[in-house]
Amino acid sequence: MKLKVLRANPAGNITLFVLDPVPPGDRAGIASRLMALPGSDVEQVGFLCPPLGDGMARLEMAGGEFCGNATRAFGLFTARNKGIAQGQVLVEISGCEGPVTVDVDQAAGTARAQMPLPRGVGRTEVDGRPATMVDLVGIAHLVVEDVPPSLDFFEKAEPLFRDIPDLDAYGVIFLDRERGTMTPLVKVPAAGSLVWEGSCGSGSLAAAVAQSQDAPDGPFVRSYVQPAGVVEATVIRRDGEEVAAWIGGPVSLDSPVTVELE
């Protein structure tokens, strides 16, 4: 099987876009095979599909999840295909009911995506450590501060996600306040993946939501330094509630290539 693909790099969260049609039932298996190719640094795979609504283009992730970084990269990819050097594009992404606005700048190599607002935010505890659960609809993240990143802690936290309905993906976001860093570990059950991501867009937003819970009204902006890149998250608060949110940062796009799967 030959597939035309394109490698995107949104702040180190390496994403492969499959540009040829692939039936939904085959996507998880093909994504796993693509990620396992020799020399691959791909963390996630999305599939180009015809738009279902008002979007200029549509991307469906292998596990049907929403991904903020993939959205940013797909926005820049769509703008390039449409000949838009700078401005806004509307794209459709799996896990989102409506189209997402992405602000793009081809010359600067940046993209900023509007993000879904949290369905719920709650303080909890895992292994005696305080944490904040941020449910972004379809994907949820548990945000913890000053806990060493580990699979063991993730597994202790995992039962908390079972009470959240309609989850396509979930992760634990480890924040180190002294070093100013963020380490995301994200699981997509349908795709069979558990990945220490180079960066995580929705995790960056979840971190900003968690850290802004006691902040005054207005914009709360943080740049989260992650293993392979930096993502800036913005949350606008009004009357103690989140009313708007974005994530932004650098994106690079390779040229399309054809790969062969046995």
Protein backbone atom coordinates (compact mmCIF):
# COMPACT_ATOMS: atom_id res chain seq x y z
CA MET A 1 0.00 0.00 0.00
CA LYS A 2 1.32 3.42 -0.99
CA LEU A 3 0.16 6.57 0.82
CA LYS A 4 0.88 10.21 0.23
CA VAL A 5 1.73 11.83 3.56
CA LEU A 6 3.02 15.11 4.96
CA ARG A 7 5.01 15.57 8.18
CA ALA A 8 4.02 18.59 10.28
CA ASN A 9 5.91 19.93 13.26
CA PRO A 10 3.76 22.06 15.58
CA ALA A 11 6.19 22.92 18.40
CA GLY A 12 7.71 19.45 18.42
CA ASN A 13 4.41 17.49 18.51
CA ILE A 14 5.23 15.66 15.26
CA THR A 15 2.05 14.92 13.32
CA LEU A 16 1.68 13.00 10.08
CA PHE A 17 -1.13 14.00 7.72
CA VAL A 18 -2.31 11.19 5.43
CA LEU A 19 -3.45 12.92 2.25
CA ASP A 20 -4.95 9.89 0.47
CA PRO A 21 -8.43 8.58 1.40
CA VAL A 22 -8.43 5.87 4.10
CA PRO A 23 -11.61 4.15 5.36
CA PRO A 24 -12.34 5.01 9.02
CA GLY A 25 -12.07 1.40 10.14
CA ASP A 26 -8.52 1.14 8.79
CA ARG A 27 -7.12 4.34 10.25
CA ALA A 28 -5.98 3.17 13.68
CA GLY A 29 -4.07 0.24 12.20
CA ILE A 30 -2.48 2.33 9.46
CA ALA A 31 -1.54 5.03 11.97
CA SER A 32 0.24 2.45 14.14
CA ARG A 33 2.14 1.14 11.12
CA LEU A 34 3.15 4.63 10.02
CA MET A 35 4.37 5.53 13.51
CA ALA A 36 6.39 2.31 13.61
CA LEU A 37 8.29 2.93 10.36
CA PRO A 38 12.09 2.92 10.78
CA GLY A 39 13.37 6.36 11.77
CA SER A 40 9.88 7.70 12.44
CA ASP A 41 9.50 10.45 15.02
CA VAL A 42 5.75 10.72 14.48
CA GLU A 43 3.64 11.03 17.65
CA GLN A 44 0.19 11.09 16.05
CA VAL A 45 -1.54 10.67 12.70
CA GLY A 46 -4.43 12.53 11.10
CA PHE A 47 -6.36 11.80 7.90
CA LEU A 48 -7.46 14.37 5.33
CA CYS A 49 -11.22 14.08 4.66
CA PRO A 50 -13.89 16.03 2.77
CA PRO A 51 -15.50 18.79 4.89
CA LEU A 52 -18.83 17.95 6.48
CA GLY A 53 -19.86 21.56 7.07
CA ASP A 54 -18.53 25.07 6.57
CA GLY A 55 -14.83 24.29 7.02
CA MET A 56 -12.32 24.76 4.21
CA ALA A 57 -10.92 21.27 4.90
CA ARG A 58 -11.29 18.48 7.44
CA LEU A 59 -8.81 16.42 9.48
CA GLU A 60 -9.80 13.31 11.42
CA MET A 61 -7.30 11.98 13.93
CA ALA A 62 -6.60 8.25 14.07
CA GLY A 63 -8.50 7.82 17.33
CA GLY A 64 -11.25 10.33 16.54
CA GLU A 65 -9.81 12.68 19.14
CA PHE A 66 -9.34 16.45 19.10
CA CYS A 67 -5.77 17.76 19.03
CA GLY A 68 -4.93 21.43 19.37
CA ASN A 69 -1.44 21.19 17.87
CA ALA A 70 -2.70 19.15 14.91
CA THR A 71 -5.39 21.81 14.43
CA ARG A 72 -2.78 24.56 14.29
CA ALA A 73 -0.66 22.63 11.81
CA PHE A 74 -3.66 21.70 9.68
CA GLY A 75 -4.73 25.34 9.61
CA LEU A 76 -1.34 26.35 8.23
CA PHE A 77 -1.43 23.45 5.74
CA THR A 78 -4.91 24.48 4.56
CA ALA A 79 -3.87 28.11 4.21
CA ARG A 80 -0.87 27.07 2.12
CA ASN A 81 -3.11 25.01 -0.16
CA LYS A 82 -5.57 27.90 -0.53
CA GLY A 83 -2.83 30.47 -1.22
CA ILE A 84 -3.48 32.38 2.02
CA ALA A 85 -0.24 33.96 3.26
CA GLN A 86 -1.67 35.56 6.39
CA GLY A 87 -5.10 35.65 7.98
CA GLN A 88 -7.75 33.26 9.21
CA VAL A 89 -8.89 29.86 7.99
CA LEU A 90 -11.78 27.68 9.15
CA VAL A 91 -10.99 23.99 9.48
CA GLU A 92 -12.93 20.99 10.75
CA ILE A 93 -11.27 18.65 13.24
CA SER A 94 -12.43 15.37 14.74
CA GLY A 95 -13.70 15.79 18.28
CA CYS A 96 -15.10 19.29 17.55
CA GLU A 97 -18.72 19.89 16.63
CA GLY A 98 -18.10 23.02 14.56
CA PRO A 99 -15.27 24.53 12.51
CA VAL A 100 -12.23 25.94 14.29
CA THR A 101 -10.68 29.32 13.50
CA VAL A 102 -6.92 29.30 12.97
CA ASP A 103 -4.86 32.50 12.57
CA VAL A 104 -1.93 31.78 10.27
CA ASP A 105 1.23 33.57 9.17
CA GLN A 106 3.13 31.66 6.48
CA ALA A 107 6.16 33.97 6.55
CA ALA A 108 6.57 33.73 10.31
CA GLY A 109 5.74 30.02 10.37
CA THR A 110 3.17 30.40 13.14
CA ALA A 111 -0.43 29.38 13.73
CA ARG A 112 -2.85 30.13 16.55
CA ALA A 113 -6.00 28.06 17.01
CA GLN A 114 -9.19 28.88 18.84
CA MET A 115 -9.76 26.21 21.46
CA PRO A 116 -12.89 24.64 22.94
CA LEU A 117 -13.77 25.88 26.40
CA PRO A 118 -13.67 23.38 29.26
CA ARG A 119 -16.84 21.45 30.00
CA GLY A 120 -15.71 21.04 33.57
CA VAL A 121 -12.84 21.94 35.89
CA GLY A 122 -12.37 20.31 39.26
CA ARG A 123 -9.75 19.98 41.94
CA THR A 124 -8.87 16.46 42.99
CA GLU A 125 -6.02 14.41 44.44
CA VAL A 126 -3.84 11.54 43.22
CA ASP A 127 -1.47 9.64 45.51
CA GLY A 128 -1.74 12.45 48.05
CA ARG A 129 -0.81 15.15 45.50
CA PRO A 130 -3.25 17.95 44.61
CA ALA A 131 -4.30 18.07 40.96
CA THR A 132 -6.79 19.77 38.65
CA MET A 133 -8.91 17.86 36.14
CA VAL A 134 -9.75 19.86 33.01
CA ASP A 135 -12.42 18.31 30.75
CA LEU A 136 -12.16 19.85 27.26
CA VAL A 137 -14.89 17.62 25.73
CA GLY A 138 -13.49 14.59 23.96
CA ILE A 139 -10.13 15.05 25.65
CA ALA A 140 -9.32 15.67 29.31
CA HIS A 141 -6.10 16.38 31.17
CA LEU A 142 -5.10 16.05 34.79
CA VAL A 143 -2.71 18.90 35.64
CA VAL A 144 -0.23 18.38 38.49
CA GLU A 145 2.55 20.61 39.74
CA ASP A 146 5.96 19.54 41.01
CA VAL A 147 5.33 15.82 40.54
CA PRO A 148 8.15 13.97 38.71
CA PRO A 149 6.85 12.71 35.34
CA SER A 150 6.30 8.97 35.47
CA LEU A 151 4.17 6.22 33.99
CA ASP A 152 3.48 5.04 37.54
CA PHE A 153 1.76 8.32 38.44
CA PHE A 154 -0.18 8.27 35.16
CA GLU A 155 -1.49 4.79 35.96
CA LYS A 156 -2.56 5.92 39.43
CA ALA A 157 -4.41 8.86 37.89
CA GLU A 158 -6.01 6.88 35.05
CA PRO A 159 -9.11 5.70 36.99
CA LEU A 160 -10.20 9.36 37.35
CA PHE A 161 -10.85 9.57 33.62
CA ARG A 162 -13.37 6.71 33.70
CA ASP A 163 -16.01 9.02 35.17
CA ILE A 164 -15.77 11.49 32.28
CA PRO A 165 -18.18 10.69 29.40
CA ASP A 166 -17.29 10.57 25.71
CA LEU A 167 -13.51 10.74 26.06
CA ASP A 168 -11.44 10.02 22.94
CA ALA A 169 -8.13 10.83 24.65
CA TYR A 170 -6.71 11.85 28.01
CA GLY A 171 -3.41 12.78 29.56
CA VAL A 172 -1.47 13.85 32.62
CA ILE A 173 0.29 17.20 32.39
CA PHE A 174 3.33 17.43 34.67
CA LEU A 175 4.30 21.04 35.50
CA ASP A 176 7.64 21.88 37.11
CA ARG A 177 7.27 25.37 38.56
CA GLU A 178 10.94 25.77 39.50
CA ARG A 179 12.23 24.88 36.03
CA GLY A 180 9.22 26.38 34.25
CA THR A 181 8.64 23.26 32.17
CA MET A 182 5.72 21.05 31.17
CA THR A 183 5.84 17.33 30.31
CA PRO A 184 2.72 15.73 28.71
CA LEU A 185 1.87 12.03 28.68
CA VAL A 186 -1.20 11.38 26.49
CA LYS A 187 -3.21 8.24 25.77
CA VAL A 188 -5.54 7.66 22.79
CA PRO A 189 -7.26 4.32 23.49
CA ALA A 190 -8.77 3.85 20.01
CA ALA A 191 -5.37 4.34 18.39
CA GLY A 192 -3.65 2.16 20.97
CA SER A 193 -1.13 4.89 21.75
CA LEU A 194 0.43 6.22 24.96
CA VAL A 195 3.00 8.89 24.13
CA TRP A 196 5.36 11.22 25.96
CA GLU A 197 4.60 14.07 23.56
CA GLY A 198 7.12 16.64 22.41
CA SER A 199 4.43 19.21 23.12
CA CYS A 200 0.69 19.11 23.68
CA GLY A 201 -1.67 21.89 22.62
CA SER A 202 -4.74 20.85 24.57
CA GLY A 203 -2.49 20.04 27.53
CA SER A 204 -1.07 23.56 27.36
CA LEU A 205 -4.57 24.96 27.46
CA ALA A 206 -5.48 22.67 30.35
CA ALA A 207 -2.42 23.91 32.25
CA ALA A 208 -3.44 27.53 31.67
CA VAL A 209 -7.02 26.79 32.76
CA ALA A 210 -5.78 25.05 35.91
CA GLN A 211 -3.28 27.76 36.80
CA SER A 212 -5.76 30.59 36.16
CA GLN A 213 -8.51 29.31 38.46
CA ASP A 214 -7.78 31.97 41.07
CA ALA A 215 -6.67 34.65 38.60
CA PRO A 216 -8.59 37.93 38.15
CA ASP A 217 -10.79 38.59 35.12
CA GLY A 218 -9.00 39.30 31.86
CA PRO A 219 -6.37 37.49 29.82
CA PHE A 220 -4.17 34.83 31.41
CA VAL A 221 -1.22 34.08 29.10
CA ARG A 222 1.54 31.52 29.66
CA SER A 223 4.25 30.05 27.43
CA TYR A 224 4.78 26.39 28.30
CA VAL A 225 8.28 25.06 27.63
CA GLN A 226 7.93 21.38 26.68
CA PRO A 227 10.42 18.69 25.69
CA ALA A 228 10.47 19.63 22.00
CA GLY A 229 8.93 23.09 21.77
CA VAL A 230 7.01 25.97 23.28
CA VAL A 231 3.25 26.53 23.13
CA GLU A 232 1.61 29.78 24.24
CA ALA A 233 -1.81 29.34 25.85
CA THR A 234 -4.27 32.17 26.41
CA VAL A 235 -7.40 32.01 28.56
CA ILE A 236 -9.80 34.93 28.85
CA ARG A 237 -11.71 34.97 32.13
CA ARG A 238 -14.87 36.92 32.97
CA ASP A 239 -16.81 36.68 36.23
CA GLY A 240 -14.65 33.74 37.24
CA GLU A 241 -15.40 31.74 34.07
CA GLU A 242 -13.41 30.93 30.94
CA VAL A 243 -15.00 32.74 27.98
CA ALA A 244 -12.37 32.33 25.25
CA ALA A 245 -9.14 30.42 24.71
CA TRP A 246 -6.34 30.00 22.14
CA ILE A 247 -3.05 28.21 21.71
CA GLY A 248 -0.30 29.37 19.39
CA GLY A 249 3.31 28.97 18.41
CA PRO A 250 5.63 27.82 15.63
CA VAL A 251 4.67 25.26 12.97
CA SER A 252 6.74 23.84 10.14
CA LEU A 253 5.46 21.75 7.24
CA ASP A 254 7.53 19.33 5.15
CA SER A 255 6.79 18.64 1.50
CA PRO A 256 4.45 15.70 0.77
CA VAL A 257 6.11 12.33 0.20
CA THR A 258 4.89 8.85 -0.69
CA VAL A 259 5.50 6.00 1.76
CA GLU A 260 4.92 2.31 1.20
CA LEU A 261 3.45 0.01 3.83
CA GLU A 262 3.87 -3.73 3.44
